[in-house]
Amino acid sequence: MLAKKTLNRAIAFVLGASLTSATLAHSGATGIVKERMDGFKAAKKSMKILKSTVRSSDFATIAREAETLNLWFENLDGYFPAGSNPKPSEALDLIWQEYDRFSSIARDSANASAALLRGANEGDAELTREAFSELAASCKACHDDYRE
């Protein structure tokens, strides 16, 4: 029961934090910052879809969204080159000061999304729930430390 509450809180935080400023945040973004913001917007949408499909064990949808997220997280570092933090970016400068730690959290997200994909492909409801929980936690960890 505690794990389910923790999972629900993590999901609510990630989705809520993303929804609050998503519309205004993209105004005026260009180049890599816009690409990064668009990627996070798509990731937020995937997480929202996953929230309901993990509960219902819709493995085909879980696999599709997990694959999308895995591709995003596998390439996340490339969206944060040095000097790519002009407004309207919501990234904190701390990312570049702690780049190894930031990259480690991105790797955690990539690993969790890969486990989610594996669970969906195997039809393993327990693995998909655990992997989704890990994915939500890694998203929250990054947002807590590296996003305005």
N, C-alpha and C. Protein backbone atom coordinates (compact mmCIF):
# COMPACT_ATOMS: atom_id res chain seq x y z
N MET A 1 0.83 -1.20 0.00
CA MET A 1 0.00 0.00 0.00
C MET A 1 0.87 1.26 0.00
N LEU A 2 1.95 1.24 0.80
CA LEU A 2 2.84 2.38 0.85
C LEU A 2 3.49 2.62 -0.50
N ALA A 3 3.90 1.55 -1.18
CA ALA A 3 4.53 1.70 -2.49
C ALA A 3 3.56 2.32 -3.48
N LYS A 4 2.29 1.93 -3.42
CA LYS A 4 1.29 2.50 -4.33
C LYS A 4 1.09 3.98 -4.06
N LYS A 5 1.05 4.38 -2.76
CA LYS A 5 0.92 5.80 -2.42
C LYS A 5 2.12 6.58 -2.93
N THR A 6 3.31 6.02 -2.74
CA THR A 6 4.53 6.69 -3.19
C THR A 6 4.52 6.84 -4.70
N LEU A 7 4.13 5.78 -5.40
CA LEU A 7 4.04 5.83 -6.86
C LEU A 7 3.05 6.90 -7.29
N ASN A 8 1.87 6.92 -6.67
CA ASN A 8 0.86 7.92 -7.05
C ASN A 8 1.34 9.33 -6.78
N ARG A 9 2.04 9.55 -5.66
CA ARG A 9 2.56 10.90 -5.37
C ARG A 9 3.61 11.30 -6.39
N ALA A 10 4.50 10.37 -6.74
CA ALA A 10 5.55 10.67 -7.72
C ALA A 10 4.94 11.01 -9.07
N ILE A 11 3.95 10.24 -9.48
CA ILE A 11 3.30 10.49 -10.76
C ILE A 11 2.59 11.85 -10.73
N ALA A 12 1.86 12.11 -9.67
CA ALA A 12 1.14 13.37 -9.55
C ALA A 12 2.10 14.55 -9.59
N PHE A 13 3.24 14.42 -8.92
CA PHE A 13 4.22 15.51 -8.91
C PHE A 13 4.75 15.77 -10.31
N VAL A 14 5.19 14.70 -10.97
CA VAL A 14 5.79 14.86 -12.30
C VAL A 14 4.78 15.48 -13.27
N LEU A 15 3.57 14.96 -13.27
CA LEU A 15 2.57 15.50 -14.18
C LEU A 15 2.17 16.92 -13.81
N GLY A 16 1.95 17.17 -12.52
CA GLY A 16 1.55 18.50 -12.08
C GLY A 16 2.60 19.55 -12.35
N ALA A 17 3.84 19.22 -12.04
CA ALA A 17 4.93 20.18 -12.27
C ALA A 17 5.08 20.49 -13.74
N SER A 18 4.87 19.50 -14.57
CA SER A 18 5.00 19.71 -16.01
C SER A 18 3.84 20.51 -16.58
N LEU A 19 2.64 20.24 -16.12
CA LEU A 19 1.46 20.92 -16.66
C LEU A 19 1.40 22.39 -16.31
N THR A 20 1.90 22.75 -15.14
CA THR A 20 1.76 24.10 -14.63
C THR A 20 2.31 25.15 -15.57
N SER A 21 3.49 24.92 -16.09
CA SER A 21 4.12 25.98 -16.88
C SER A 21 4.41 25.58 -18.31
N ALA A 22 3.93 24.45 -18.75
CA ALA A 22 4.27 23.97 -20.08
C ALA A 22 3.83 24.92 -21.18
N THR A 23 2.66 25.47 -21.08
CA THR A 23 2.14 26.32 -22.14
C THR A 23 2.96 27.60 -22.28
N LEU A 24 3.22 28.26 -21.18
CA LEU A 24 3.99 29.51 -21.23
C LEU A 24 5.46 29.27 -21.50
N ALA A 25 5.98 28.15 -21.07
CA ALA A 25 7.41 27.89 -21.16
C ALA A 25 7.92 27.87 -22.59
N HIS A 26 7.12 27.38 -23.52
CA HIS A 26 7.60 27.24 -24.89
C HIS A 26 7.58 28.55 -25.67
N SER A 27 6.93 29.56 -25.13
CA SER A 27 6.85 30.83 -25.82
C SER A 27 8.23 31.43 -26.01
N GLY A 28 8.65 31.57 -27.24
CA GLY A 28 9.93 32.19 -27.54
C GLY A 28 11.11 31.23 -27.58
N ALA A 29 10.91 29.97 -27.29
CA ALA A 29 12.01 29.01 -27.31
C ALA A 29 12.41 28.72 -28.75
N THR A 30 13.71 28.59 -28.97
CA THR A 30 14.23 28.25 -30.29
C THR A 30 15.36 27.25 -30.14
N GLY A 31 15.76 26.67 -31.26
CA GLY A 31 16.92 25.79 -31.29
C GLY A 31 16.83 24.62 -30.35
N ILE A 32 17.95 24.30 -29.74
CA ILE A 32 18.04 23.13 -28.87
C ILE A 32 17.14 23.26 -27.65
N VAL A 33 16.92 24.48 -27.18
CA VAL A 33 16.03 24.68 -26.02
C VAL A 33 14.60 24.29 -26.40
N LYS A 34 14.15 24.70 -27.58
CA LYS A 34 12.81 24.33 -28.04
C LYS A 34 12.73 22.82 -28.24
N GLU A 35 13.74 22.23 -28.87
CA GLU A 35 13.75 20.78 -29.06
C GLU A 35 13.67 20.05 -27.72
N ARG A 36 14.43 20.54 -26.76
CA ARG A 36 14.44 19.94 -25.42
C ARG A 36 13.07 20.07 -24.76
N MET A 37 12.49 21.26 -24.85
CA MET A 37 11.17 21.48 -24.24
C MET A 37 10.10 20.63 -24.92
N ASP A 38 10.17 20.53 -26.24
CA ASP A 38 9.22 19.68 -26.96
C ASP A 38 9.39 18.22 -26.57
N GLY A 39 10.63 17.79 -26.39
CA GLY A 39 10.89 16.41 -25.95
C GLY A 39 10.32 16.13 -24.58
N PHE A 40 10.48 17.08 -23.67
CA PHE A 40 9.91 16.90 -22.33
C PHE A 40 8.39 16.93 -22.36
N LYS A 41 7.83 17.74 -23.24
CA LYS A 41 6.37 17.78 -23.37
C LYS A 41 5.86 16.42 -23.85
N ALA A 42 6.54 15.83 -24.81
CA ALA A 42 6.15 14.50 -25.30
C ALA A 42 6.34 13.45 -24.21
N ALA A 43 7.42 13.57 -23.42
CA ALA A 43 7.66 12.62 -22.33
C ALA A 43 6.56 12.73 -21.28
N LYS A 44 6.13 13.94 -21.00
CA LYS A 44 5.03 14.15 -20.04
C LYS A 44 3.77 13.46 -20.54
N LYS A 45 3.49 13.59 -21.82
CA LYS A 45 2.32 12.95 -22.41
C LYS A 45 2.43 11.43 -22.29
N SER A 46 3.60 10.90 -22.56
CA SER A 46 3.80 9.45 -22.43
C SER A 46 3.61 8.99 -20.99
N MET A 47 4.12 9.76 -20.04
CA MET A 47 3.95 9.38 -18.63
C MET A 47 2.48 9.39 -18.24
N LYS A 48 1.72 10.33 -18.75
CA LYS A 48 0.29 10.39 -18.45
C LYS A 48 -0.42 9.16 -19.00
N ILE A 49 -0.08 8.80 -20.23
CA ILE A 49 -0.66 7.59 -20.83
C ILE A 49 -0.27 6.36 -20.03
N LEU A 50 0.99 6.29 -19.66
CA LEU A 50 1.47 5.13 -18.91
C LEU A 50 0.79 4.98 -17.56
N LYS A 51 0.49 6.09 -16.93
CA LYS A 51 -0.14 6.03 -15.61
C LYS A 51 -1.40 5.17 -15.66
N SER A 52 -2.22 5.36 -16.67
CA SER A 52 -3.45 4.57 -16.74
C SER A 52 -3.22 3.18 -17.34
N THR A 53 -2.32 3.07 -18.29
CA THR A 53 -2.13 1.77 -18.95
C THR A 53 -1.38 0.77 -18.08
N VAL A 54 -0.51 1.25 -17.20
CA VAL A 54 0.18 0.33 -16.29
C VAL A 54 -0.84 -0.30 -15.35
N ARG A 55 -1.78 0.50 -14.89
CA ARG A 55 -2.83 -0.03 -14.00
C ARG A 55 -3.69 -1.07 -14.69
N SER A 56 -3.92 -0.90 -15.97
CA SER A 56 -4.81 -1.82 -16.69
C SER A 56 -4.05 -2.92 -17.42
N SER A 57 -2.73 -2.91 -17.32
CA SER A 57 -1.88 -3.91 -17.99
C SER A 57 -2.10 -3.94 -19.50
N ASP A 58 -2.23 -2.77 -20.11
CA ASP A 58 -2.34 -2.64 -21.56
C ASP A 58 -0.91 -2.67 -22.12
N PHE A 59 -0.39 -3.89 -22.26
CA PHE A 59 1.03 -4.06 -22.58
C PHE A 59 1.44 -3.49 -23.93
N ALA A 60 0.55 -3.50 -24.91
CA ALA A 60 0.90 -2.93 -26.22
C ALA A 60 1.14 -1.43 -26.11
N THR A 61 0.27 -0.74 -25.41
CA THR A 61 0.43 0.70 -25.23
C THR A 61 1.64 1.00 -24.34
N ILE A 62 1.82 0.21 -23.30
CA ILE A 62 2.98 0.40 -22.41
C ILE A 62 4.26 0.26 -23.21
N ALA A 63 4.34 -0.77 -24.05
CA ALA A 63 5.55 -0.99 -24.85
C ALA A 63 5.82 0.19 -25.78
N ARG A 64 4.78 0.68 -26.43
CA ARG A 64 4.95 1.81 -27.36
C ARG A 64 5.47 3.05 -26.64
N GLU A 65 4.84 3.39 -25.51
CA GLU A 65 5.25 4.59 -24.77
C GLU A 65 6.62 4.40 -24.12
N ALA A 66 6.89 3.20 -23.61
CA ALA A 66 8.19 2.93 -22.99
C ALA A 66 9.31 3.04 -24.02
N GLU A 67 9.06 2.57 -25.23
CA GLU A 67 10.07 2.67 -26.28
C GLU A 67 10.35 4.13 -26.64
N THR A 68 9.29 4.92 -26.74
CA THR A 68 9.43 6.35 -27.01
C THR A 68 10.26 7.03 -25.91
N LEU A 69 9.91 6.74 -24.67
CA LEU A 69 10.64 7.33 -23.54
C LEU A 69 12.08 6.86 -23.51
N ASN A 70 12.30 5.59 -23.80
CA ASN A 70 13.66 5.08 -23.77
C ASN A 70 14.54 5.79 -24.80
N LEU A 71 14.01 6.01 -25.98
CA LEU A 71 14.78 6.74 -27.00
C LEU A 71 15.09 8.16 -26.52
N TRP A 72 14.13 8.81 -25.88
CA TRP A 72 14.33 10.16 -25.35
C TRP A 72 15.44 10.16 -24.29
N PHE A 73 15.31 9.28 -23.31
CA PHE A 73 16.28 9.28 -22.21
C PHE A 73 17.67 8.80 -22.66
N GLU A 74 17.73 7.92 -23.64
CA GLU A 74 19.04 7.48 -24.15
C GLU A 74 19.80 8.64 -24.78
N ASN A 75 19.08 9.63 -25.28
CA ASN A 75 19.70 10.76 -25.98
C ASN A 75 19.60 12.07 -25.21
N LEU A 76 19.15 12.03 -23.98
CA LEU A 76 18.87 13.25 -23.23
C LEU A 76 20.09 14.15 -23.08
N ASP A 77 21.25 13.58 -22.82
CA ASP A 77 22.46 14.40 -22.66
C ASP A 77 22.70 15.33 -23.84
N GLY A 78 22.38 14.87 -25.04
CA GLY A 78 22.60 15.66 -26.23
C GLY A 78 21.74 16.91 -26.31
N TYR A 79 20.71 16.98 -25.50
CA TYR A 79 19.84 18.16 -25.47
C TYR A 79 20.29 19.20 -24.45
N PHE A 80 21.42 18.95 -23.81
CA PHE A 80 21.93 19.88 -22.79
C PHE A 80 23.40 20.24 -23.04
N PRO A 81 23.73 20.70 -24.25
CA PRO A 81 25.12 21.11 -24.47
C PRO A 81 25.44 22.36 -23.65
N ALA A 82 26.70 22.56 -23.38
CA ALA A 82 27.14 23.76 -22.65
C ALA A 82 26.62 25.00 -23.35
N GLY A 83 26.15 25.95 -22.56
CA GLY A 83 25.67 27.22 -23.09
C GLY A 83 24.26 27.20 -23.64
N SER A 84 23.52 26.13 -23.37
CA SER A 84 22.17 26.02 -23.94
C SER A 84 21.09 26.28 -22.89
N ASN A 85 21.27 27.37 -22.16
CA ASN A 85 20.31 27.63 -21.11
C ASN A 85 19.70 29.03 -21.13
N PRO A 86 19.50 29.61 -22.32
CA PRO A 86 18.85 30.92 -22.31
C PRO A 86 17.36 30.77 -22.01
N LYS A 87 16.76 31.81 -21.48
CA LYS A 87 15.32 31.80 -21.25
C LYS A 87 14.65 31.65 -22.61
N PRO A 88 13.59 30.93 -22.69
CA PRO A 88 12.70 30.48 -21.63
C PRO A 88 13.03 29.12 -21.04
N SER A 89 14.25 28.66 -21.18
CA SER A 89 14.62 27.38 -20.58
C SER A 89 14.28 27.37 -19.10
N GLU A 90 13.81 26.23 -18.63
CA GLU A 90 13.51 26.06 -17.21
C GLU A 90 14.58 25.24 -16.51
N ALA A 91 15.64 24.93 -17.23
CA ALA A 91 16.74 24.17 -16.66
C ALA A 91 17.57 25.08 -15.76
N LEU A 92 17.98 24.54 -14.63
CA LEU A 92 18.85 25.29 -13.73
C LEU A 92 20.30 25.15 -14.17
N ASP A 93 21.10 26.18 -13.96
CA ASP A 93 22.52 26.12 -14.30
C ASP A 93 23.23 25.00 -13.56
N LEU A 94 22.65 24.53 -12.48
CA LEU A 94 23.22 23.44 -11.69
C LEU A 94 23.45 22.19 -12.54
N ILE A 95 22.68 22.01 -13.60
CA ILE A 95 22.87 20.86 -14.49
C ILE A 95 24.31 20.80 -14.97
N TRP A 96 24.83 21.92 -15.42
CA TRP A 96 26.17 21.94 -16.00
C TRP A 96 27.25 21.93 -14.91
N GLN A 97 26.90 22.35 -13.72
CA GLN A 97 27.84 22.28 -12.59
C GLN A 97 27.92 20.86 -12.04
N GLU A 98 26.85 20.10 -12.18
CA GLU A 98 26.78 18.72 -11.70
C GLU A 98 26.43 17.78 -12.86
N TYR A 99 27.10 17.97 -13.96
CA TYR A 99 26.71 17.26 -15.17
C TYR A 99 26.80 15.75 -15.02
N ASP A 100 27.79 15.25 -14.31
CA ASP A 100 27.90 13.80 -14.12
C ASP A 100 26.70 13.26 -13.35
N ARG A 101 26.28 13.96 -12.31
CA ARG A 101 25.12 13.53 -11.54
C ARG A 101 23.85 13.62 -12.39
N PHE A 102 23.70 14.71 -13.12
CA PHE A 102 22.56 14.87 -14.02
C PHE A 102 22.52 13.73 -15.03
N SER A 103 23.65 13.42 -15.62
CA SER A 103 23.72 12.32 -16.59
C SER A 103 23.38 10.98 -15.95
N SER A 104 23.76 10.82 -14.71
CA SER A 104 23.45 9.58 -13.99
C SER A 104 21.94 9.43 -13.79
N ILE A 105 21.27 10.51 -13.47
CA ILE A 105 19.82 10.46 -13.31
C ILE A 105 19.16 10.18 -14.67
N ALA A 106 19.68 10.77 -15.73
CA ALA A 106 19.15 10.49 -17.07
C ALA A 106 19.35 9.02 -17.41
N ARG A 107 20.49 8.46 -17.02
CA ARG A 107 20.77 7.03 -17.25
C ARG A 107 19.78 6.18 -16.45
N ASP A 108 19.46 6.59 -15.21
CA ASP A 108 18.46 5.88 -14.41
C ASP A 108 17.11 5.84 -15.14
N SER A 109 16.76 6.97 -15.75
CA SER A 109 15.50 7.04 -16.49
C SER A 109 15.54 6.14 -17.72
N ALA A 110 16.67 6.12 -18.39
CA ALA A 110 16.82 5.23 -19.56
C ALA A 110 16.72 3.77 -19.13
N ASN A 111 17.36 3.42 -18.04
CA ASN A 111 17.31 2.04 -17.55
C ASN A 111 15.90 1.65 -17.13
N ALA A 112 15.21 2.55 -16.44
CA ALA A 112 13.85 2.26 -15.99
C ALA A 112 12.90 2.13 -17.17
N SER A 113 13.07 2.97 -18.19
CA SER A 113 12.20 2.86 -19.36
C SER A 113 12.50 1.59 -20.15
N ALA A 114 13.75 1.15 -20.15
CA ALA A 114 14.10 -0.13 -20.80
C ALA A 114 13.48 -1.30 -20.03
N ALA A 115 13.50 -1.23 -18.70
CA ALA A 115 12.87 -2.28 -17.89
C ALA A 115 11.36 -2.28 -18.10
N LEU A 116 10.78 -1.10 -18.25
CA LEU A 116 9.35 -0.98 -18.52
C LEU A 116 9.01 -1.63 -19.86
N LEU A 117 9.81 -1.38 -20.85
CA LEU A 117 9.62 -1.98 -22.17
C LEU A 117 9.75 -3.50 -22.07
N ARG A 118 10.76 -3.97 -21.37
CA ARG A 118 10.96 -5.41 -21.19
C ARG A 118 9.75 -6.04 -20.49
N GLY A 119 9.26 -5.40 -19.43
CA GLY A 119 8.09 -5.91 -18.72
C GLY A 119 6.87 -5.98 -19.62
N ALA A 120 6.67 -4.96 -20.43
CA ALA A 120 5.53 -4.95 -21.35
C ALA A 120 5.66 -6.06 -22.39
N ASN A 121 6.86 -6.20 -22.94
CA ASN A 121 7.07 -7.24 -23.96
C ASN A 121 6.91 -8.64 -23.40
N GLU A 122 7.22 -8.81 -22.11
CA GLU A 122 7.08 -10.12 -21.46
C GLU A 122 5.69 -10.31 -20.86
N GLY A 123 4.87 -9.27 -20.86
CA GLY A 123 3.53 -9.36 -20.25
C GLY A 123 3.60 -9.51 -18.74
N ASP A 124 4.62 -8.91 -18.15
CA ASP A 124 4.86 -9.04 -16.70
C ASP A 124 4.34 -7.79 -15.98
N ALA A 125 3.15 -7.90 -15.40
CA ALA A 125 2.51 -6.76 -14.75
C ALA A 125 3.32 -6.23 -13.58
N GLU A 126 3.91 -7.12 -12.80
CA GLU A 126 4.68 -6.68 -11.63
C GLU A 126 5.92 -5.90 -12.07
N LEU A 127 6.63 -6.42 -13.06
CA LEU A 127 7.81 -5.71 -13.56
C LEU A 127 7.44 -4.36 -14.15
N THR A 128 6.33 -4.28 -14.87
CA THR A 128 5.94 -2.99 -15.45
C THR A 128 5.61 -1.99 -14.35
N ARG A 129 4.91 -2.43 -13.32
CA ARG A 129 4.59 -1.51 -12.21
C ARG A 129 5.87 -1.03 -11.51
N GLU A 130 6.78 -1.94 -11.24
CA GLU A 130 8.03 -1.57 -10.57
C GLU A 130 8.85 -0.63 -11.44
N ALA A 131 8.96 -0.95 -12.72
CA ALA A 131 9.75 -0.11 -13.63
C ALA A 131 9.12 1.27 -13.80
N PHE A 132 7.80 1.32 -13.87
CA PHE A 132 7.13 2.62 -13.99
C PHE A 132 7.37 3.45 -12.73
N SER A 133 7.31 2.82 -11.59
CA SER A 133 7.58 3.51 -10.33
C SER A 133 9.00 4.07 -10.31
N GLU A 134 9.97 3.27 -10.77
CA GLU A 134 11.36 3.73 -10.84
C GLU A 134 11.50 4.88 -11.83
N LEU A 135 10.82 4.79 -12.94
CA LEU A 135 10.87 5.85 -13.95
C LEU A 135 10.30 7.14 -13.40
N ALA A 136 9.14 7.07 -12.76
CA ALA A 136 8.53 8.26 -12.17
C ALA A 136 9.45 8.87 -11.11
N ALA A 137 10.09 8.03 -10.31
CA ALA A 137 11.00 8.52 -9.27
C ALA A 137 12.22 9.20 -9.88
N SER A 138 12.75 8.66 -10.97
CA SER A 138 13.92 9.30 -11.59
C SER A 138 13.53 10.63 -12.24
N CYS A 139 12.34 10.70 -12.81
CA CYS A 139 11.87 11.98 -13.37
C CYS A 139 11.73 13.01 -12.25
N LYS A 140 11.14 12.61 -11.15
CA LYS A 140 10.96 13.50 -10.01
C LYS A 140 12.30 13.98 -9.46
N ALA A 141 13.26 13.07 -9.34
CA ALA A 141 14.58 13.42 -8.82
C ALA A 141 15.24 14.49 -9.68
N CYS A 142 15.12 14.35 -10.97
CA CYS A 142 15.73 15.33 -11.87
C CYS A 142 15.00 16.66 -11.79
N HIS A 143 13.68 16.63 -11.80
CA HIS A 143 12.91 17.87 -11.69
C HIS A 143 13.14 18.57 -10.36
N ASP A 144 13.24 17.81 -9.30
CA ASP A 144 13.48 18.41 -7.97
C ASP A 144 14.78 19.21 -7.94
N ASP A 145 15.81 18.67 -8.58
CA ASP A 145 17.14 19.28 -8.48
C ASP A 145 17.53 20.19 -9.64
N TYR A 146 16.97 19.96 -10.82
CA TYR A 146 17.51 20.63 -11.99
C TYR A 146 16.50 21.44 -12.81
N ARG A 147 15.32 21.66 -12.29
CA ARG A 147 14.33 22.43 -13.03
C ARG A 147 13.77 23.53 -12.16
N GLU A 148 13.57 24.72 -12.76
CA GLU A 148 12.99 25.85 -12.03
C GLU A 148 11.61 25.51 -11.54
